[in-house]
PDB file of N, CA and C in Angstrom:
ATOM      1  N   MET A   1    -110.495  31.980 -28.346  1.00  0.00           N
ATOM      2  CA  MET A   1    -109.909  31.063 -27.393  1.00  0.00           C
ATOM      3  C   MET A   1    -110.979  30.355 -26.572  1.00  0.00           C
ATOM      4  N   HIS A   2    -112.206  30.747 -26.753  1.00  0.00           N
ATOM      5  CA  HIS A   2    -113.290  30.196 -25.950  1.00  0.00           C
ATOM      6  C   HIS A   2    -114.202  29.308 -26.786  1.00  0.00           C
ATOM      7  N   GLY A   3    -113.686  28.712 -27.848  1.00  0.00           N
ATOM      8  CA  GLY A   3    -114.486  27.852 -28.704  1.00  0.00           C
ATOM      9  C   GLY A   3    -115.304  28.601 -29.728  1.00  0.00           C
ATOM     10  N   GLY A   4    -115.103  29.900 -29.849  1.00  0.00           N
ATOM     11  CA  GLY A   4    -115.864  30.706 -30.792  1.00  0.00           C
ATOM     12  C   GLY A   4    -115.186  30.800 -32.139  1.00  0.00           C
ATOM     13  N   THR A   5    -115.730  31.674 -32.960  1.00  0.00           N
ATOM     14  CA  THR A   5    -115.156  31.906 -34.281  1.00  0.00           C
ATOM     15  C   THR A   5    -114.813  33.381 -34.431  1.00  0.00           C
ATOM     16  N   VAL A   6    -114.014  33.654 -35.437  1.00  0.00           N
ATOM     17  CA  VAL A   6    -113.668  35.019 -35.793  1.00  0.00           C
ATOM     18  C   VAL A   6    -113.792  35.142 -37.306  1.00  0.00           C
ATOM     19  N   ALA A   7    -114.264  36.287 -37.780  1.00  0.00           N
ATOM     20  CA  ALA A   7    -114.401  36.524 -39.213  1.00  0.00           C
ATOM     21  C   ALA A   7    -113.133  37.159 -39.754  1.00  0.00           C
ATOM     22  N   ALA A   8    -112.717  36.697 -40.928  1.00  0.00           N
ATOM     23  CA  ALA A   8    -111.539  37.272 -41.568  1.00  0.00           C
ATOM     24  C   ALA A   8    -111.669  37.142 -43.076  1.00  0.00           C
ATOM     25  N   ILE A   9    -111.095  38.105 -43.786  1.00  0.00           N
ATOM     26  CA  ILE A   9    -111.000  38.030 -45.243  1.00  0.00           C
ATOM     27  C   ILE A   9    -109.734  37.246 -45.557  1.00  0.00           C
ATOM     28  N   ILE A  10    -109.888  36.111 -46.224  1.00  0.00           N
ATOM     29  CA  ILE A  10    -108.768  35.246 -46.564  1.00  0.00           C
ATOM     30  C   ILE A  10    -108.416  35.461 -48.025  1.00  0.00           C
ATOM     31  N   ARG A  11    -107.146  35.794 -48.253  1.00  0.00           N
ATOM     32  CA  ARG A  11    -106.641  35.989 -49.616  1.00  0.00           C
ATOM     33  C   ARG A  11    -105.559  34.957 -49.873  1.00  0.00           C
ATOM     34  N   GLU A  12    -105.757  34.141 -50.890  1.00  0.00           N
ATOM     35  CA  GLU A  12    -104.784  33.090 -51.174  1.00  0.00           C
ATOM     36  C   GLU A  12    -103.468  33.642 -51.688  1.00  0.00           C
ATOM     37  N   GLY A  13    -103.454  34.823 -52.257  1.00  0.00           N
ATOM     38  CA  GLY A  13    -102.234  35.449 -52.747  1.00  0.00           C
ATOM     39  C   GLY A  13    -101.571  36.287 -51.669  1.00  0.00           C
ATOM     40  N   LEU A  14    -101.405  35.728 -50.493  1.00  0.00           N
ATOM     41  CA  LEU A  14    -100.854  36.458 -49.350  1.00  0.00           C
ATOM     42  C   LEU A  14     -99.420  36.910 -49.609  1.00  0.00           C
ATOM     43  N   ILE A  15     -99.157  38.165 -49.305  1.00  0.00           N
ATOM     44  CA  ILE A  15     -97.803  38.709 -49.335  1.00  0.00           C
ATOM     45  C   ILE A  15     -97.325  38.746 -47.891  1.00  0.00           C
ATOM     46  N   TYR A  16     -96.118  38.275 -47.641  1.00  0.00           N
ATOM     47  CA  TYR A  16     -95.655  38.113 -46.266  1.00  0.00           C
ATOM     48  C   TYR A  16     -95.676  39.392 -45.442  1.00  0.00           C
ATOM     49  N   LYS A  17     -95.502  40.552 -46.061  1.00  0.00           N
ATOM     50  CA  LYS A  17     -95.568  41.791 -45.278  1.00  0.00           C
ATOM     51  C   LYS A  17     -96.972  42.027 -44.719  1.00  0.00           C
ATOM     52  N   ASP A  18     -98.002  41.421 -45.364  1.00  0.00           N
ATOM     53  CA  ASP A  18     -99.381  41.554 -44.874  1.00  0.00           C
ATOM     54  C   ASP A  18     -99.569  40.917 -43.503  1.00  0.00           C
ATOM     55  N   ILE A  19     -98.759  39.929 -43.183  1.00  0.00           N
ATOM     56  CA  ILE A  19     -98.904  39.211 -41.912  1.00  0.00           C
ATOM     57  C   ILE A  19     -98.732  40.155 -40.728  1.00  0.00           C
ATOM     58  N   SER A  20     -97.782  41.049 -40.820  1.00  0.00           N
ATOM     59  CA  SER A  20     -97.534  41.960 -39.705  1.00  0.00           C
ATOM     60  C   SER A  20     -98.331  43.256 -39.809  1.00  0.00           C
ATOM     61  N   GLN A  21     -99.022  43.479 -40.922  1.00  0.00           N
ATOM     62  CA  GLN A  21     -99.722  44.742 -41.111  1.00  0.00           C
ATOM     63  C   GLN A  21    -101.217  44.682 -40.825  1.00  0.00           C
ATOM     64  N   ASN A  22    -101.806  43.488 -40.820  1.00  0.00           N
ATOM     65  CA  ASN A  22    -103.239  43.414 -40.518  1.00  0.00           C
ATOM     66  C   ASN A  22    -103.620  42.022 -40.026  1.00  0.00           C
ATOM     67  N   LYS A  23    -104.725  41.955 -39.322  1.00  0.00           N
ATOM     68  CA  LYS A  23    -105.199  40.686 -38.760  1.00  0.00           C
ATOM     69  C   LYS A  23    -105.514  39.668 -39.844  1.00  0.00           C
ATOM     70  N   ASP A  24    -106.123  40.109 -40.935  1.00  0.00           N
ATOM     71  CA  ASP A  24    -106.504  39.169 -41.980  1.00  0.00           C
ATOM     72  C   ASP A  24    -105.293  38.450 -42.561  1.00  0.00           C
ATOM     73  N   GLY A  25    -104.174  39.138 -42.678  1.00  0.00           N
ATOM     74  CA  GLY A  25    -102.950  38.501 -43.154  1.00  0.00           C
ATOM     75  C   GLY A  25    -102.484  37.401 -42.222  1.00  0.00           C
ATOM     76  N   LEU A  26    -102.535  37.682 -40.927  1.00  0.00           N
ATOM     77  CA  LEU A  26    -102.142  36.667 -39.944  1.00  0.00           C
ATOM     78  C   LEU A  26    -103.133  35.510 -39.953  1.00  0.00           C
ATOM     79  N   TYR A  27    -104.423  35.801 -40.006  1.00  0.00           N
ATOM     80  CA  TYR A  27    -105.425  34.730 -40.052  1.00  0.00           C
ATOM     81  C   TYR A  27    -105.273  33.880 -41.315  1.00  0.00           C
ATOM     82  N   THR A  28    -104.937  34.504 -42.452  1.00  0.00           N
ATOM     83  CA  THR A  28    -104.705  33.760 -43.685  1.00  0.00           C
ATOM     84  C   THR A  28    -103.552  32.778 -43.500  1.00  0.00           C
ATOM     85  N   LEU A  29    -102.460  33.233 -42.934  1.00  0.00           N
ATOM     86  CA  LEU A  29    -101.313  32.362 -42.690  1.00  0.00           C
ATOM     87  C   LEU A  29    -101.687  31.201 -41.767  1.00  0.00           C
ATOM     88  N   LEU A  30    -102.396  31.495 -40.696  1.00  0.00           N
ATOM     89  CA  LEU A  30    -102.776  30.452 -39.740  1.00  0.00           C
ATOM     90  C   LEU A  30    -103.738  29.444 -40.363  1.00  0.00           C
ATOM     91  N   LEU A  31    -104.641  29.896 -41.235  1.00  0.00           N
ATOM     92  CA  LEU A  31    -105.543  28.978 -41.927  1.00  0.00           C
ATOM     93  C   LEU A  31    -104.762  28.099 -42.907  1.00  0.00           C
ATOM     94  N   MET A  32    -103.900  28.693 -43.684  1.00  0.00           N
ATOM     95  CA  MET A  32    -103.150  27.949 -44.698  1.00  0.00           C
ATOM     96  C   MET A  32    -102.187  26.926 -44.076  1.00  0.00           C
ATOM     97  N   THR A  33    -101.749  27.164 -42.856  1.00  0.00           N
ATOM     98  CA  THR A  33    -100.817  26.240 -42.210  1.00  0.00           C
ATOM     99  C   THR A  33    -101.506  25.254 -41.271  1.00  0.00           C
ATOM    100  N   GLY A  34    -102.845  25.321 -41.185  1.00  0.00           N
ATOM    101  CA  GLY A  34    -103.582  24.332 -40.418  1.00  0.00           C
ATOM    102  C   GLY A  34    -103.833  24.663 -38.964  1.00  0.00           C
ATOM    103  N   TYR A  35    -103.419  25.840 -38.510  1.00  0.00           N
ATOM    104  CA  TYR A  35    -103.669  26.236 -37.123  1.00  0.00           C
ATOM    105  C   TYR A  35    -105.111  26.680 -36.902  1.00  0.00           C
ATOM    106  N   LEU A  36    -105.795  27.065 -37.976  1.00  0.00           N
ATOM    107  CA  LEU A  36    -107.209  27.439 -37.910  1.00  0.00           C
ATOM    108  C   LEU A  36    -107.975  26.648 -38.954  1.00  0.00           C
ATOM    109  N   THR A  37    -109.285  26.507 -38.735  1.00  0.00           N
ATOM    110  CA  THR A  37    -110.176  25.818 -39.660  1.00  0.00           C
ATOM    111  C   THR A  37    -111.304  26.777 -40.043  1.00  0.00           C
ATOM    112  N   ALA A  38    -111.648  26.799 -41.331  1.00  0.00           N
ATOM    113  CA  ALA A  38    -112.771  27.612 -41.798  1.00  0.00           C
ATOM    114  C   ALA A  38    -114.055  26.801 -41.632  1.00  0.00           C
ATOM    115  N   VAL A  39    -114.996  27.327 -40.842  1.00  0.00           N
ATOM    116  CA  VAL A  39    -116.265  26.630 -40.634  1.00  0.00           C
ATOM    117  C   VAL A  39    -117.376  27.203 -41.513  1.00  0.00           C
ATOM    118  N   LYS A  40    -117.127  28.383 -42.084  1.00  0.00           N
ATOM    119  CA  LYS A  40    -118.065  29.002 -43.029  1.00  0.00           C
ATOM    120  C   LYS A  40    -117.221  29.794 -44.004  1.00  0.00           C
ATOM    121  N   ASN A  41    -117.610  29.778 -45.273  1.00  0.00           N
ATOM    122  CA  ASN A  41    -116.796  30.358 -46.317  1.00  0.00           C
ATOM    123  C   ASN A  41    -117.711  31.041 -47.329  1.00  0.00           C
ATOM    124  N   THR A  42    -117.574  32.368 -47.489  1.00  0.00           N
ATOM    125  CA  THR A  42    -118.408  33.121 -48.414  1.00  0.00           C
ATOM    126  C   THR A  42    -117.525  33.912 -49.369  1.00  0.00           C
ATOM    127  N   PRO A  43    -117.674  33.716 -50.685  1.00  0.00           N
ATOM    128  CA  PRO A  43    -116.872  34.501 -51.627  1.00  0.00           C
ATOM    129  C   PRO A  43    -117.196  35.995 -51.523  1.00  0.00           C
ATOM    130  N   VAL A  44    -116.164  36.814 -51.528  1.00  0.00           N
ATOM    131  CA  VAL A  44    -116.299  38.273 -51.559  1.00  0.00           C
ATOM    132  C   VAL A  44    -115.336  38.784 -52.632  1.00  0.00           C
ATOM    133  N   PRO A  45    -115.497  40.023 -53.092  1.00  0.00           N
ATOM    134  CA  PRO A  45    -114.671  40.521 -54.194  1.00  0.00           C
ATOM    135  C   PRO A  45    -113.154  40.413 -53.982  1.00  0.00           C
ATOM    136  N   ASN A  46    -112.676  40.571 -52.763  1.00  0.00           N
ATOM    137  CA  ASN A  46    -111.225  40.568 -52.545  1.00  0.00           C
ATOM    138  C   ASN A  46    -110.725  39.307 -51.848  1.00  0.00           C
ATOM    139  N   GLY A  47    -111.467  38.201 -51.930  1.00  0.00           N
ATOM    140  CA  GLY A  47    -111.042  36.954 -51.300  1.00  0.00           C
ATOM    141  C   GLY A  47    -112.237  36.136 -50.845  1.00  0.00           C
ATOM    142  N   ARG A  48    -112.109  35.563 -49.656  1.00  0.00           N
ATOM    143  CA  ARG A  48    -113.198  34.789 -49.060  1.00  0.00           C
ATOM    144  C   ARG A  48    -113.411  35.271 -47.630  1.00  0.00           C
ATOM    145  N   LEU A  49    -114.643  35.541 -47.274  1.00  0.00           N
ATOM    146  CA  LEU A  49    -114.973  35.881 -45.894  1.00  0.00           C
ATOM    147  C   LEU A  49    -115.199  34.566 -45.169  1.00  0.00           C
ATOM    148  N   CYS A  50    -114.349  34.261 -44.207  1.00  0.00           N
ATOM    149  CA  CYS A  50    -114.411  32.982 -43.503  1.00  0.00           C
ATOM    150  C   CYS A  50    -114.661  33.193 -42.019  1.00  0.00           C
ATOM    151  N   GLN A  51    -115.424  32.288 -41.452  1.00  0.00           N
ATOM    152  CA  GLN A  51    -115.536  32.173 -40.005  1.00  0.00           C
ATOM    153  C   GLN A  51    -114.503  31.126 -39.609  1.00  0.00           C
ATOM    154  N   LEU A  52    -113.552  31.517 -38.785  1.00  0.00           N
ATOM    155  CA  LEU A  52    -112.424  30.657 -38.434  1.00  0.00           C
ATOM    156  C   LEU A  52    -112.488  30.236 -36.984  1.00  0.00           C
ATOM    157  N   MET A  53    -112.018  29.016 -36.724  1.00  0.00           N
ATOM    158  CA  MET A  53    -111.939  28.546 -35.347  1.00  0.00           C
ATOM    159  C   MET A  53    -110.685  27.684 -35.176  1.00  0.00           C
ATOM    160  N   ILE A  54    -110.243  27.552 -33.942  1.00  0.00           N
ATOM    161  CA  ILE A  54    -109.148  26.661 -33.619  1.00  0.00           C
ATOM    162  C   ILE A  54    -109.726  25.251 -33.569  1.00  0.00           C
ATOM    163  N   PRO A  55    -109.155  24.290 -34.335  1.00  0.00           N
ATOM    164  CA  PRO A  55    -109.811  23.005 -34.499  1.00  0.00           C
ATOM    165  C   PRO A  55    -109.745  22.026 -33.334  1.00  0.00           C
ATOM    166  N   ASN A  56    -108.805  22.173 -32.407  1.00  0.00           N
ATOM    167  CA  ASN A  56    -108.733  21.201 -31.308  1.00  0.00           C
ATOM    168  C   ASN A  56    -107.996  21.774 -30.097  1.00  0.00           C
ATOM    169  N   ALA A  57    -108.038  21.056 -29.000  1.00  0.00           N
ATOM    170  CA  ALA A  57    -107.460  21.528 -27.732  1.00  0.00           C
ATOM    171  C   ALA A  57    -105.944  21.693 -27.817  1.00  0.00           C
ATOM    172  N   GLU A  58    -105.276  20.799 -28.537  1.00  0.00           N
ATOM    173  CA  GLU A  58    -103.821  20.893 -28.653  1.00  0.00           C
ATOM    174  C   GLU A  58    -103.419  22.193 -29.345  1.00  0.00           C
ATOM    175  N   LEU A  59    -104.118  22.526 -30.417  1.00  0.00           N
ATOM    176  CA  LEU A  59    -103.799  23.773 -31.116  1.00  0.00           C
ATOM    177  C   LEU A  59    -104.226  24.993 -30.320  1.00  0.00           C
ATOM    178  N   THR A  60    -105.249  24.871 -29.509  1.00  0.00           N
ATOM    179  CA  THR A  60    -105.624  25.979 -28.631  1.00  0.00           C
ATOM    180  C   THR A  60    -104.470  26.317 -27.705  1.00  0.00           C
ATOM    181  N   HIS A  61    -103.833  25.292 -27.153  1.00  0.00           N
ATOM    182  CA  HIS A  61    -102.686  25.515 -26.269  1.00  0.00           C
ATOM    183  C   HIS A  61    -101.524  26.152 -27.034  1.00  0.00           C
ATOM    184  N   VAL A  62    -101.218  25.649 -28.218  1.00  0.00           N
ATOM    185  CA  VAL A  62    -100.144  26.224 -29.037  1.00  0.00           C
ATOM    186  C   VAL A  62    -100.470  27.665 -29.382  1.00  0.00           C
ATOM    187  N   PHE A  63    -101.711  27.919 -29.774  1.00  0.00           N
ATOM    188  CA  PHE A  63    -102.128  29.264 -30.140  1.00  0.00           C
ATOM    189  C   PHE A  63    -101.948  30.211 -28.965  1.00  0.00           C
ATOM    190  N   GLN A  64    -102.366  29.769 -27.790  1.00  0.00           N
ATOM    191  CA  GLN A  64    -102.258  30.589 -26.583  1.00  0.00           C
ATOM    192  C   GLN A  64    -100.810  30.855 -26.209  1.00  0.00           C
ATOM    193  N   SER A  65    -100.005  29.810 -26.167  1.00  0.00           N
ATOM    194  CA  SER A  65     -98.652  29.943 -25.632  1.00  0.00           C
ATOM    195  C   SER A  65     -97.654  30.501 -26.632  1.00  0.00           C
ATOM    196  N   GLU A  66     -97.850  30.269 -27.908  1.00  0.00           N
ATOM    197  CA  GLU A  66     -96.857  30.692 -28.888  1.00  0.00           C
ATOM    198  C   GLU A  66     -97.321  31.853 -29.775  1.00  0.00           C
ATOM    199  N   ILE A  67     -98.427  31.663 -30.459  1.00  0.00           N
ATOM    200  CA  ILE A  67     -98.830  32.621 -31.483  1.00  0.00           C
ATOM    201  C   ILE A  67     -99.254  33.949 -30.878  1.00  0.00           C
ATOM    202  N   LEU A  68    -100.119  33.934 -29.883  1.00  0.00           N
ATOM    203  CA  LEU A  68    -100.556  35.194 -29.283  1.00  0.00           C
ATOM    204  C   LEU A  68     -99.398  35.935 -28.636  1.00  0.00           C
ATOM    205  N   ASN A  69     -98.538  35.238 -27.939  1.00  0.00           N
ATOM    206  CA  ASN A  69     -97.402  35.880 -27.288  1.00  0.00           C
ATOM    207  C   ASN A  69     -96.482  36.556 -28.301  1.00  0.00           C
ATOM    208  N   ARG A  70     -96.314  35.962 -29.469  1.00  0.00           N
ATOM    209  CA  ARG A  70     -95.395  36.515 -30.468  1.00  0.00           C
ATOM    210  C   ARG A  70     -95.991  37.637 -31.295  1.00  0.00           C
ATOM    211  N   PHE A  71     -97.293  37.561 -31.595  1.00  0.00           N
ATOM    212  CA  PHE A  71     -97.882  38.512 -32.532  1.00  0.00           C
ATOM    213  C   PHE A  71     -98.702  39.621 -31.904  1.00  0.00           C
ATOM    214  N   CYS A  72     -99.216  39.476 -30.723  1.00  0.00           N
ATOM    215  CA  CYS A  72    -100.066  40.517 -30.150  1.00  0.00           C
ATOM    216  C   CYS A  72     -99.329  41.831 -29.983  1.00  0.00           C
ATOM    217  N   ALA A  73     -98.108  41.778 -29.529  1.00  0.00           N
ATOM    218  CA  ALA A  73     -97.354  43.007 -29.300  1.00  0.00           C
ATOM    219  C   ALA A  73     -97.064  43.724 -30.610  1.00  0.00           C
ATOM    220  N   ASP A  74     -96.870  42.964 -31.707  1.00  0.00           N
ATOM    221  CA  ASP A  74     -96.477  43.559 -32.983  1.00  0.00           C
ATOM    222  C   ASP A  74     -97.641  43.946 -33.880  1.00  0.00           C
ATOM    223  N   SER A  75     -98.693  43.144 -33.899  1.00  0.00           N
ATOM    224  CA  SER A  75     -99.722  43.371 -34.908  1.00  0.00           C
ATOM    225  C   SER A  75    -101.114  43.593 -34.337  1.00  0.00           C
ATOM    226  N   GLY A  76    -101.231  43.878 -33.065  1.00  0.00           N
ATOM    227  CA  GLY A  76    -102.527  44.133 -32.484  1.00  0.00           C
ATOM    228  C   GLY A  76    -103.125  42.906 -31.844  1.00  0.00           C
ATOM    229  N   ASP A  77    -104.276  43.076 -31.260  1.00  0.00           N
ATOM    230  CA  ASP A  77    -104.935  42.000 -30.535  1.00  0.00           C
ATOM    231  C   ASP A  77    -105.582  41.018 -31.503  1.00  0.00           C
ATOM    232  N   VAL A  78    -105.195  39.748 -31.427  1.00  0.00           N
ATOM    233  CA  VAL A  78    -105.804  38.700 -32.232  1.00  0.00           C
ATOM    234  C   VAL A  78    -106.428  37.647 -31.344  1.00  0.00           C
ATOM    235  N   SER A  79    -106.854  38.034 -30.161  1.00  0.00           N
ATOM    236  CA  SER A  79    -107.369  37.078 -29.194  1.00  0.00           C
ATOM    237  C   SER A  79    -108.879  36.887 -29.300  1.00  0.00           C
ATOM    238  N   ASP A  80    -109.478  37.231 -30.454  1.00  0.00           N
ATOM    239  CA  ASP A  80    -110.916  37.099 -30.630  1.00  0.00           C
ATOM    240  C   ASP A  80    -111.391  35.657 -30.577  1.00  0.00           C
ATOM    241  N   LEU A  81    -110.510  34.710 -30.868  1.00  0.00           N
ATOM    242  CA  LEU A  81    -110.926  33.302 -30.930  1.00  0.00           C
ATOM    243  C   LEU A  81    -111.186  32.772 -29.559  1.00  0.00           C
TER     244      LEU A  81
END
C-alpha cells in the first residue's frame, strides 16, 4: 500500500478454492483481473515468481477499501503492498 512490491508465485491454472486458502491464489486472481501489475517475472517450477504492485492511485483506493476489508479476515494479512 506504500508504493512497494510483494512477491508471489503466480499460477495460470488457478483453482478458485486456492483464492481463500493462500496469498498466492489471491494475488494470482488480482493480477489476472488487472488490480495488480507484475513488475518483475521469473519462471519457477510451479509457475512464475512475480514482484507485484498496485498500478495507480485509483486502484490503491479500491484495494484499500474493498479488497483488504473483504479478504484479510478470511485469508490472512495481504497488506504487504
